[in-house]
Amino acid sequence: MKKKKTTYVDDGRTIANMNVEGMPWYHPEKDEKVPKTSSYEPDAKETLAIMGGILKAAMLVAGIFVLAFTGFILFSYFVWLK
């Protein structure tokens, strides 16, 4: 089977900016060309909704751990250590 020959064309877009402060190749003047991300600040209602979602996810994980630990204790008491 013959391999297809592909040609790579560089269009100049930056996928991941590697100009990081602290690296030997860092040039601060190049950072001025990169557009900054928008600084969106959520309002109080959105912040409360975000914190509620985080709390629900944390309680779900904690509940799973509590159920697993309780199941292990019950298994140990009634089956394993009998």
PDB file of N, CA and C in Angstrom:
ATOM      1  N   MET A   1       0.835  -1.169   0.000  1.00  0.00           N
ATOM      2  CA  MET A   1       0.000   0.000   0.000  1.00  0.00           C
ATOM      3  C   MET A   1       0.886   1.240   0.000  1.00  0.00           C
ATOM      4  N   LYS A   2       0.634   2.119  -0.929  1.00  0.00           N
ATOM      5  CA  LYS A   2       1.440   3.311  -1.070  1.00  0.00           C
ATOM      6  C   LYS A   2       0.944   4.399  -0.126  1.00  0.00           C
ATOM      7  N   LYS A   3       1.894   5.035   0.580  1.00  0.00           N
ATOM      8  CA  LYS A   3       1.525   6.111   1.492  1.00  0.00           C
ATOM      9  C   LYS A   3       1.257   7.379   0.705  1.00  0.00           C
ATOM     10  N   LYS A   4       0.252   8.096   1.182  1.00  0.00           N
ATOM     11  CA  LYS A   4      -0.099   9.357   0.553  1.00  0.00           C
ATOM     12  C   LYS A   4       0.892  10.428   0.983  1.00  0.00           C
ATOM     13  N   LYS A   5       1.392  11.194   0.061  1.00  0.00           N
ATOM     14  CA  LYS A   5       2.313  12.270   0.387  1.00  0.00           C
ATOM     15  C   LYS A   5       1.504  13.533   0.645  1.00  0.00           C
ATOM     16  N   THR A   6       1.646  14.040   1.883  1.00  0.00           N
ATOM     17  CA  THR A   6       0.918  15.248   2.243  1.00  0.00           C
ATOM     18  C   THR A   6       1.894  16.395   2.391  1.00  0.00           C
ATOM     19  N   THR A   7       1.429  17.551   2.066  1.00  0.00           N
ATOM     20  CA  THR A   7       2.256  18.739   2.224  1.00  0.00           C
ATOM     21  C   THR A   7       1.678  19.576   3.350  1.00  0.00           C
ATOM     22  N   TYR A   8       2.541  20.064   4.215  1.00  0.00           N
ATOM     23  CA  TYR A   8       2.135  20.878   5.349  1.00  0.00           C
ATOM     24  C   TYR A   8       2.266  22.341   4.983  1.00  0.00           C
ATOM     25  N   VAL A   9       1.203  23.093   5.210  1.00  0.00           N
ATOM     26  CA  VAL A   9       1.196  24.513   4.919  1.00  0.00           C
ATOM     27  C   VAL A   9       0.979  25.253   6.235  1.00  0.00           C
ATOM     28  N   ASP A  10       1.958  26.065   6.635  1.00  0.00           N
ATOM     29  CA  ASP A  10       1.855  26.836   7.866  1.00  0.00           C
ATOM     30  C   ASP A  10       1.099  28.123   7.575  1.00  0.00           C
ATOM     31  N   ASP A  11      -0.047  28.307   8.259  1.00  0.00           N
ATOM     32  CA  ASP A  11      -0.835  29.508   8.032  1.00  0.00           C
ATOM     33  C   ASP A  11      -0.527  30.605   9.047  1.00  0.00           C
ATOM     34  N   GLY A  12       0.393  30.366   9.982  1.00  0.00           N
ATOM     35  CA  GLY A  12       0.839  31.403  10.891  1.00  0.00           C
ATOM     36  C   GLY A  12       0.044  31.536  12.174  1.00  0.00           C
ATOM     37  N   ARG A  13      -1.001  30.716  12.358  1.00  0.00           N
ATOM     38  CA  ARG A  13      -1.788  30.798  13.586  1.00  0.00           C
ATOM     39  C   ARG A  13      -1.032  30.169  14.743  1.00  0.00           C
ATOM     40  N   THR A  14      -1.229  30.731  15.939  1.00  0.00           N
ATOM     41  CA  THR A  14      -0.615  30.192  17.140  1.00  0.00           C
ATOM     42  C   THR A  14      -1.627  29.300  17.832  1.00  0.00           C
ATOM     43  N   ILE A  15      -1.296  28.034  17.991  1.00  0.00           N
ATOM     44  CA  ILE A  15      -2.177  27.090  18.663  1.00  0.00           C
ATOM     45  C   ILE A  15      -1.987  27.210  20.171  1.00  0.00           C
ATOM     46  N   ALA A  16      -0.737  27.182  20.619  1.00  0.00           N
ATOM     47  CA  ALA A  16      -0.433  27.333  22.048  1.00  0.00           C
ATOM     48  C   ALA A  16       0.742  28.288  22.165  1.00  0.00           C
ATOM     49  N   ASN A  17       0.525  29.400  22.863  1.00  0.00           N
ATOM     50  CA  ASN A  17       1.568  30.391  23.022  1.00  0.00           C
ATOM     51  C   ASN A  17       2.607  29.890  24.011  1.00  0.00           C
ATOM     52  N   MET A  18       3.837  29.685  23.564  1.00  0.00           N
ATOM     53  CA  MET A  18       4.906  29.194  24.414  1.00  0.00           C
ATOM     54  C   MET A  18       5.798  30.324  24.929  1.00  0.00           C
ATOM     55  N   ASN A  19       5.387  31.561  24.718  1.00  0.00           N
ATOM     56  CA  ASN A  19       6.147  32.697  25.211  1.00  0.00           C
ATOM     57  C   ASN A  19       5.738  32.942  26.672  1.00  0.00           C
ATOM     58  N   VAL A  20       6.336  32.153  27.586  1.00  0.00           N
ATOM     59  CA  VAL A  20       5.956  32.174  28.994  1.00  0.00           C
ATOM     60  C   VAL A  20       7.038  32.876  29.793  1.00  0.00           C
ATOM     61  N   GLU A  21       6.607  33.763  30.689  1.00  0.00           N
ATOM     62  CA  GLU A  21       7.551  34.494  31.517  1.00  0.00           C
ATOM     63  C   GLU A  21       8.345  33.522  32.393  1.00  0.00           C
ATOM     64  N   GLY A  22       9.657  33.715  32.430  1.00  0.00           N
ATOM     65  CA  GLY A  22      10.533  32.847  33.197  1.00  0.00           C
ATOM     66  C   GLY A  22      11.310  31.873  32.331  1.00  0.00           C
ATOM     67  N   MET A  23      10.883  31.663  31.104  1.00  0.00           N
ATOM     68  CA  MET A  23      11.602  30.772  30.199  1.00  0.00           C
ATOM     69  C   MET A  23      12.716  31.533  29.509  1.00  0.00           C
ATOM     70  N   PRO A  24      13.775  30.836  29.104  1.00  0.00           N
ATOM     71  CA  PRO A  24      14.906  31.542  28.489  1.00  0.00           C
ATOM     72  C   PRO A  24      14.557  32.245  27.183  1.00  0.00           C
ATOM     73  N   TRP A  25      13.544  31.782  26.486  1.00  0.00           N
ATOM     74  CA  TRP A  25      13.202  32.387  25.197  1.00  0.00           C
ATOM     75  C   TRP A  25      12.095  33.438  25.315  1.00  0.00           C
ATOM     76  N   TYR A  26      11.763  33.861  26.534  1.00  0.00           N
ATOM     77  CA  TYR A  26      10.671  34.817  26.755  1.00  0.00           C
ATOM     78  C   TYR A  26      11.012  36.196  26.201  1.00  0.00           C
ATOM     79  N   HIS A  27      10.093  36.754  25.416  1.00  0.00           N
ATOM     80  CA  HIS A  27      10.217  38.107  24.873  1.00  0.00           C
ATOM     81  C   HIS A  27       8.927  38.860  25.180  1.00  0.00           C
ATOM     82  N   PRO A  28       8.981  39.849  26.101  1.00  0.00           N
ATOM     83  CA  PRO A  28       7.736  40.543  26.477  1.00  0.00           C
ATOM     84  C   PRO A  28       7.093  41.322  25.337  1.00  0.00           C
ATOM     85  N   GLU A  29       7.860  41.758  24.362  1.00  0.00           N
ATOM     86  CA  GLU A  29       7.264  42.529  23.268  1.00  0.00           C
ATOM     87  C   GLU A  29       6.375  41.661  22.394  1.00  0.00           C
ATOM     88  N   LYS A  30       6.580  40.360  22.384  1.00  0.00           N
ATOM     89  CA  LYS A  30       5.726  39.481  21.590  1.00  0.00           C
ATOM     90  C   LYS A  30       4.361  39.304  22.233  1.00  0.00           C
ATOM     91  N   ASP A  31       4.279  39.473  23.558  1.00  0.00           N
ATOM     92  CA  ASP A  31       2.998  39.317  24.246  1.00  0.00           C
ATOM     93  C   ASP A  31       2.031  40.436  23.895  1.00  0.00           C
ATOM     94  N   GLU A  32       2.521  41.573  23.476  1.00  0.00           N
ATOM     95  CA  GLU A  32       1.648  42.688  23.123  1.00  0.00           C
ATOM     96  C   GLU A  32       0.842  42.394  21.867  1.00  0.00           C
ATOM     97  N   LYS A  33       1.351  41.528  20.990  1.00  0.00           N
ATOM     98  CA  LYS A  33       0.659  41.188  19.759  1.00  0.00           C
ATOM     99  C   LYS A  33      -0.491  40.217  19.993  1.00  0.00           C
ATOM    100  N   VAL A  34      -0.414  39.439  21.074  1.00  0.00           N
ATOM    101  CA  VAL A  34      -1.424  38.432  21.347  1.00  0.00           C
ATOM    102  C   VAL A  34      -2.647  39.111  21.962  1.00  0.00           C
ATOM    103  N   PRO A  35      -3.824  38.903  21.383  1.00  0.00           N
ATOM    104  CA  PRO A  35      -5.020  39.527  21.969  1.00  0.00           C
ATOM    105  C   PRO A  35      -5.324  38.916  23.331  1.00  0.00           C
ATOM    106  N   LYS A  36      -5.694  39.771  24.266  1.00  0.00           N
ATOM    107  CA  LYS A  36      -6.011  39.325  25.614  1.00  0.00           C
ATOM    108  C   LYS A  36      -7.413  38.732  25.643  1.00  0.00           C
ATOM    109  N   THR A  37      -7.626  37.811  26.557  1.00  0.00           N
ATOM    110  CA  THR A  37      -8.949  37.232  26.703  1.00  0.00           C
ATOM    111  C   THR A  37      -9.857  38.232  27.391  1.00  0.00           C
ATOM    112  N   SER A  38     -11.129  38.067  27.202  1.00  0.00           N
ATOM    113  CA  SER A  38     -12.070  38.995  27.815  1.00  0.00           C
ATOM    114  C   SER A  38     -12.112  38.763  29.320  1.00  0.00           C
ATOM    115  N   SER A  39     -12.264  39.830  30.068  1.00  0.00           N
ATOM    116  CA  SER A  39     -12.322  39.717  31.515  1.00  0.00           C
ATOM    117  C   SER A  39     -13.781  39.824  31.951  1.00  0.00           C
ATOM    118  N   TYR A  40     -14.494  38.747  31.819  1.00  0.00           N
ATOM    119  CA  TYR A  40     -15.914  38.710  32.167  1.00  0.00           C
ATOM    120  C   TYR A  40     -16.053  38.413  33.653  1.00  0.00           C
ATOM    121  N   GLU A  41     -16.760  39.235  34.354  1.00  0.00           N
ATOM    122  CA  GLU A  41     -17.026  39.039  35.781  1.00  0.00           C
ATOM    123  C   GLU A  41     -18.493  38.656  35.952  1.00  0.00           C
ATOM    124  N   PRO A  42     -18.762  37.466  36.492  1.00  0.00           N
ATOM    125  CA  PRO A  42     -20.160  37.084  36.708  1.00  0.00           C
ATOM    126  C   PRO A  42     -20.791  37.912  37.821  1.00  0.00           C
ATOM    127  N   ASP A  43     -22.090  38.134  37.706  1.00  0.00           N
ATOM    128  CA  ASP A  43     -22.775  38.894  38.748  1.00  0.00           C
ATOM    129  C   ASP A  43     -23.046  37.993  39.957  1.00  0.00           C
ATOM    130  N   ALA A  44     -23.688  38.524  40.983  1.00  0.00           N
ATOM    131  CA  ALA A  44     -23.886  37.798  42.239  1.00  0.00           C
ATOM    132  C   ALA A  44     -24.748  36.551  42.043  1.00  0.00           C
ATOM    133  N   LYS A  45     -25.766  36.653  41.203  1.00  0.00           N
ATOM    134  CA  LYS A  45     -26.651  35.503  40.974  1.00  0.00           C
ATOM    135  C   LYS A  45     -25.894  34.364  40.282  1.00  0.00           C
ATOM    136  N   GLU A  46     -25.082  34.689  39.289  1.00  0.00           N
ATOM    137  CA  GLU A  46     -24.295  33.678  38.596  1.00  0.00           C
ATOM    138  C   GLU A  46     -23.244  33.071  39.521  1.00  0.00           C
ATOM    139  N   THR A  47     -22.626  33.897  40.355  1.00  0.00           N
ATOM    140  CA  THR A  47     -21.636  33.395  41.298  1.00  0.00           C
ATOM    141  C   THR A  47     -22.267  32.418  42.280  1.00  0.00           C
ATOM    142  N   LEU A  48     -23.455  32.739  42.755  1.00  0.00           N
ATOM    143  CA  LEU A  48     -24.172  31.857  43.665  1.00  0.00           C
ATOM    144  C   LEU A  48     -24.522  30.539  42.980  1.00  0.00           C
ATOM    145  N   ALA A  49     -24.915  30.592  41.719  1.00  0.00           N
ATOM    146  CA  ALA A  49     -25.235  29.378  40.973  1.00  0.00           C
ATOM    147  C   ALA A  49     -23.991  28.518  40.767  1.00  0.00           C
ATOM    148  N   ILE A  50     -22.862  29.138  40.498  1.00  0.00           N
ATOM    149  CA  ILE A  50     -21.607  28.410  40.326  1.00  0.00           C
ATOM    150  C   ILE A  50     -21.219  27.719  41.628  1.00  0.00           C
ATOM    151  N   MET A  51     -21.299  28.455  42.737  1.00  0.00           N
ATOM    152  CA  MET A  51     -20.945  27.877  44.033  1.00  0.00           C
ATOM    153  C   MET A  51     -21.908  26.760  44.412  1.00  0.00           C
ATOM    154  N   GLY A  52     -23.186  26.898  44.069  1.00  0.00           N
ATOM    155  CA  GLY A  52     -24.150  25.835  44.332  1.00  0.00           C
ATOM    156  C   GLY A  52     -23.829  24.571  43.552  1.00  0.00           C
ATOM    157  N   GLY A  53     -23.447  24.730  42.303  1.00  0.00           N
ATOM    158  CA  GLY A  53     -23.072  23.571  41.494  1.00  0.00           C
ATOM    159  C   GLY A  53     -21.829  22.880  42.023  1.00  0.00           C
ATOM    160  N   ILE A  54     -20.863  23.666  42.468  1.00  0.00           N
ATOM    161  CA  ILE A  54     -19.644  23.093  43.038  1.00  0.00           C
ATOM    162  C   ILE A  54     -19.977  22.339  44.325  1.00  0.00           C
ATOM    163  N   LEU A  55     -20.838  22.919  45.146  1.00  0.00           N
ATOM    164  CA  LEU A  55     -21.227  22.270  46.399  1.00  0.00           C
ATOM    165  C   LEU A  55     -21.968  20.960  46.136  1.00  0.00           C
ATOM    166  N   LYS A  56     -22.855  20.952  45.140  1.00  0.00           N
ATOM    167  CA  LYS A  56     -23.570  19.720  44.801  1.00  0.00           C
ATOM    168  C   LYS A  56     -22.609  18.630  44.334  1.00  0.00           C
ATOM    169  N   ALA A  57     -21.630  18.999  43.509  1.00  0.00           N
ATOM    170  CA  ALA A  57     -20.661  18.015  43.025  1.00  0.00           C
ATOM    171  C   ALA A  57     -19.808  17.474  44.170  1.00  0.00           C
ATOM    172  N   ALA A  58     -19.396  18.350  45.079  1.00  0.00           N
ATOM    173  CA  ALA A  58     -18.590  17.910  46.214  1.00  0.00           C
ATOM    174  C   ALA A  58     -19.395  17.009  47.146  1.00  0.00           C
ATOM    175  N   MET A  59     -20.658  17.343  47.366  1.00  0.00           N
ATOM    176  CA  MET A  59     -21.489  16.508  48.228  1.00  0.00           C
ATOM    177  C   MET A  59     -21.751  15.143  47.593  1.00  0.00           C
ATOM    178  N   LEU A  60     -21.864  15.087  46.274  1.00  0.00           N
ATOM    179  CA  LEU A  60     -22.035  13.815  45.589  1.00  0.00           C
ATOM    180  C   LEU A  60     -20.817  12.923  45.795  1.00  0.00           C
ATOM    181  N   VAL A  61     -19.640  13.483  45.608  1.00  0.00           N
ATOM    182  CA  VAL A  61     -18.410  12.704  45.794  1.00  0.00           C
ATOM    183  C   VAL A  61     -18.276  12.264  47.246  1.00  0.00           C
ATOM    184  N   ALA A  62     -18.553  13.170  48.190  1.00  0.00           N
ATOM    185  CA  ALA A  62     -18.478  12.825  49.607  1.00  0.00           C
ATOM    186  C   ALA A  62     -19.490  11.744  49.950  1.00  0.00           C
ATOM    187  N   GLY A  63     -20.683  11.821  49.397  1.00  0.00           N
ATOM    188  CA  GLY A  63     -21.703  10.803  49.646  1.00  0.00           C
ATOM    189  C   GLY A  63     -21.289   9.435  49.137  1.00  0.00           C
ATOM    190  N   ILE A  64     -20.649   9.401  47.985  1.00  0.00           N
ATOM    191  CA  ILE A  64     -20.171   8.122  47.449  1.00  0.00           C
ATOM    192  C   ILE A  64     -19.115   7.525  48.375  1.00  0.00           C
ATOM    193  N   PHE A  65     -18.207   8.351  48.875  1.00  0.00           N
ATOM    194  CA  PHE A  65     -17.197   7.846  49.798  1.00  0.00           C
ATOM    195  C   PHE A  65     -17.824   7.357  51.104  1.00  0.00           C
ATOM    196  N   VAL A  66     -18.802   8.081  51.621  1.00  0.00           N
ATOM    197  CA  VAL A  66     -19.470   7.667  52.861  1.00  0.00           C
ATOM    198  C   VAL A  66     -20.202   6.347  52.652  1.00  0.00           C
ATOM    199  N   LEU A  67     -20.909   6.200  51.537  1.00  0.00           N
ATOM    200  CA  LEU A  67     -21.597   4.941  51.251  1.00  0.00           C
ATOM    201  C   LEU A  67     -20.614   3.780  51.107  1.00  0.00           C
ATOM    202  N   ALA A  68     -19.500   4.013  50.432  1.00  0.00           N
ATOM    203  CA  ALA A  68     -18.499   2.954  50.274  1.00  0.00           C
ATOM    204  C   ALA A  68     -17.912   2.560  51.629  1.00  0.00           C
ATOM    205  N   PHE A  69     -17.621   3.531  52.470  1.00  0.00           N
ATOM    206  CA  PHE A  69     -17.060   3.240  53.784  1.00  0.00           C
ATOM    207  C   PHE A  69     -18.084   2.513  54.653  1.00  0.00           C
ATOM    208  N   THR A  70     -19.350   2.952  54.624  1.00  0.00           N
ATOM    209  CA  THR A  70     -20.402   2.287  55.379  1.00  0.00           C
ATOM    210  C   THR A  70     -20.606   0.858  54.891  1.00  0.00           C
ATOM    211  N   GLY A  71     -20.584   0.668  53.583  1.00  0.00           N
ATOM    212  CA  GLY A  71     -20.705  -0.682  53.030  1.00  0.00           C
ATOM    213  C   GLY A  71     -19.566  -1.577  53.461  1.00  0.00           C
ATOM    214  N   PHE A  72     -18.360  -1.040  53.508  1.00  0.00           N
ATOM    215  CA  PHE A  72     -17.219  -1.832  53.952  1.00  0.00           C
ATOM    216  C   PHE A  72     -17.347  -2.212  55.423  1.00  0.00           C
ATOM    217  N   ILE A  73     -17.785  -1.275  56.258  1.00  0.00           N
ATOM    218  CA  ILE A  73     -17.956  -1.559  57.683  1.00  0.00           C
ATOM    219  C   ILE A  73     -19.035  -2.628  57.882  1.00  0.00           C
ATOM    220  N   LEU A  74     -20.164  -2.493  57.188  1.00  0.00           N
ATOM    221  CA  LEU A  74     -21.224  -3.491  57.310  1.00  0.00           C
ATOM    222  C   LEU A  74     -20.785  -4.852  56.798  1.00  0.00           C
ATOM    223  N   PHE A  75     -20.081  -4.884  55.696  1.00  0.00           N
ATOM    224  CA  PHE A  75     -19.556  -6.144  55.169  1.00  0.00           C
ATOM    225  C   PHE A  75     -18.585  -6.778  56.167  1.00  0.00           C
ATOM    226  N   SER A  76     -17.722  -5.968  56.745  1.00  0.00           N
ATOM    227  CA  SER A  76     -16.765  -6.486  57.722  1.00  0.00           C
ATOM    228  C   SER A  76     -17.483  -7.058  58.939  1.00  0.00           C
ATOM    229  N   TYR A  77     -18.487  -6.371  59.423  1.00  0.00           N
ATOM    230  CA  TYR A  77     -19.185  -6.784  60.640  1.00  0.00           C
ATOM    231  C   TYR A  77     -19.999  -8.052  60.435  1.00  0.00           C
ATOM    232  N   PHE A  78     -20.779  -8.107  59.333  1.00  0.00           N
ATOM    233  CA  PHE A  78     -21.708  -9.209  59.152  1.00  0.00           C
ATOM    234  C   PHE A  78     -21.133 -10.398  58.388  1.00  0.00           C
ATOM    235  N   VAL A  79     -20.136 -10.238  57.563  1.00  0.00           N
ATOM    236  CA  VAL A  79     -19.641 -11.324  56.740  1.00  0.00           C
ATOM    237  C   VAL A  79     -18.221 -11.721  57.102  1.00  0.00           C
ATOM    238  N   TRP A  80     -17.334 -10.786  57.068  1.00  0.00           N
ATOM    239  CA  TRP A  80     -15.923 -11.079  57.155  1.00  0.00           C
ATOM    240  C   TRP A  80     -15.493 -11.472  58.570  1.00  0.00           C
ATOM    241  N   LEU A  81     -15.921 -10.739  59.578  1.00  0.00           N
ATOM    242  CA  LEU A  81     -15.471 -10.956  60.950  1.00  0.00           C
ATOM    243  C   LEU A  81     -16.425 -11.818  61.767  1.00  0.00           C
ATOM    244  N   LYS A  82     -17.338 -12.493  61.147  1.00  0.00           N
ATOM    245  CA  LYS A  82     -18.300 -13.303  61.867  1.00  0.00           C
ATOM    246  C   LYS A  82     -17.749 -14.622  62.312  1.00  0.00           C
TER     247      LYS A  82
END
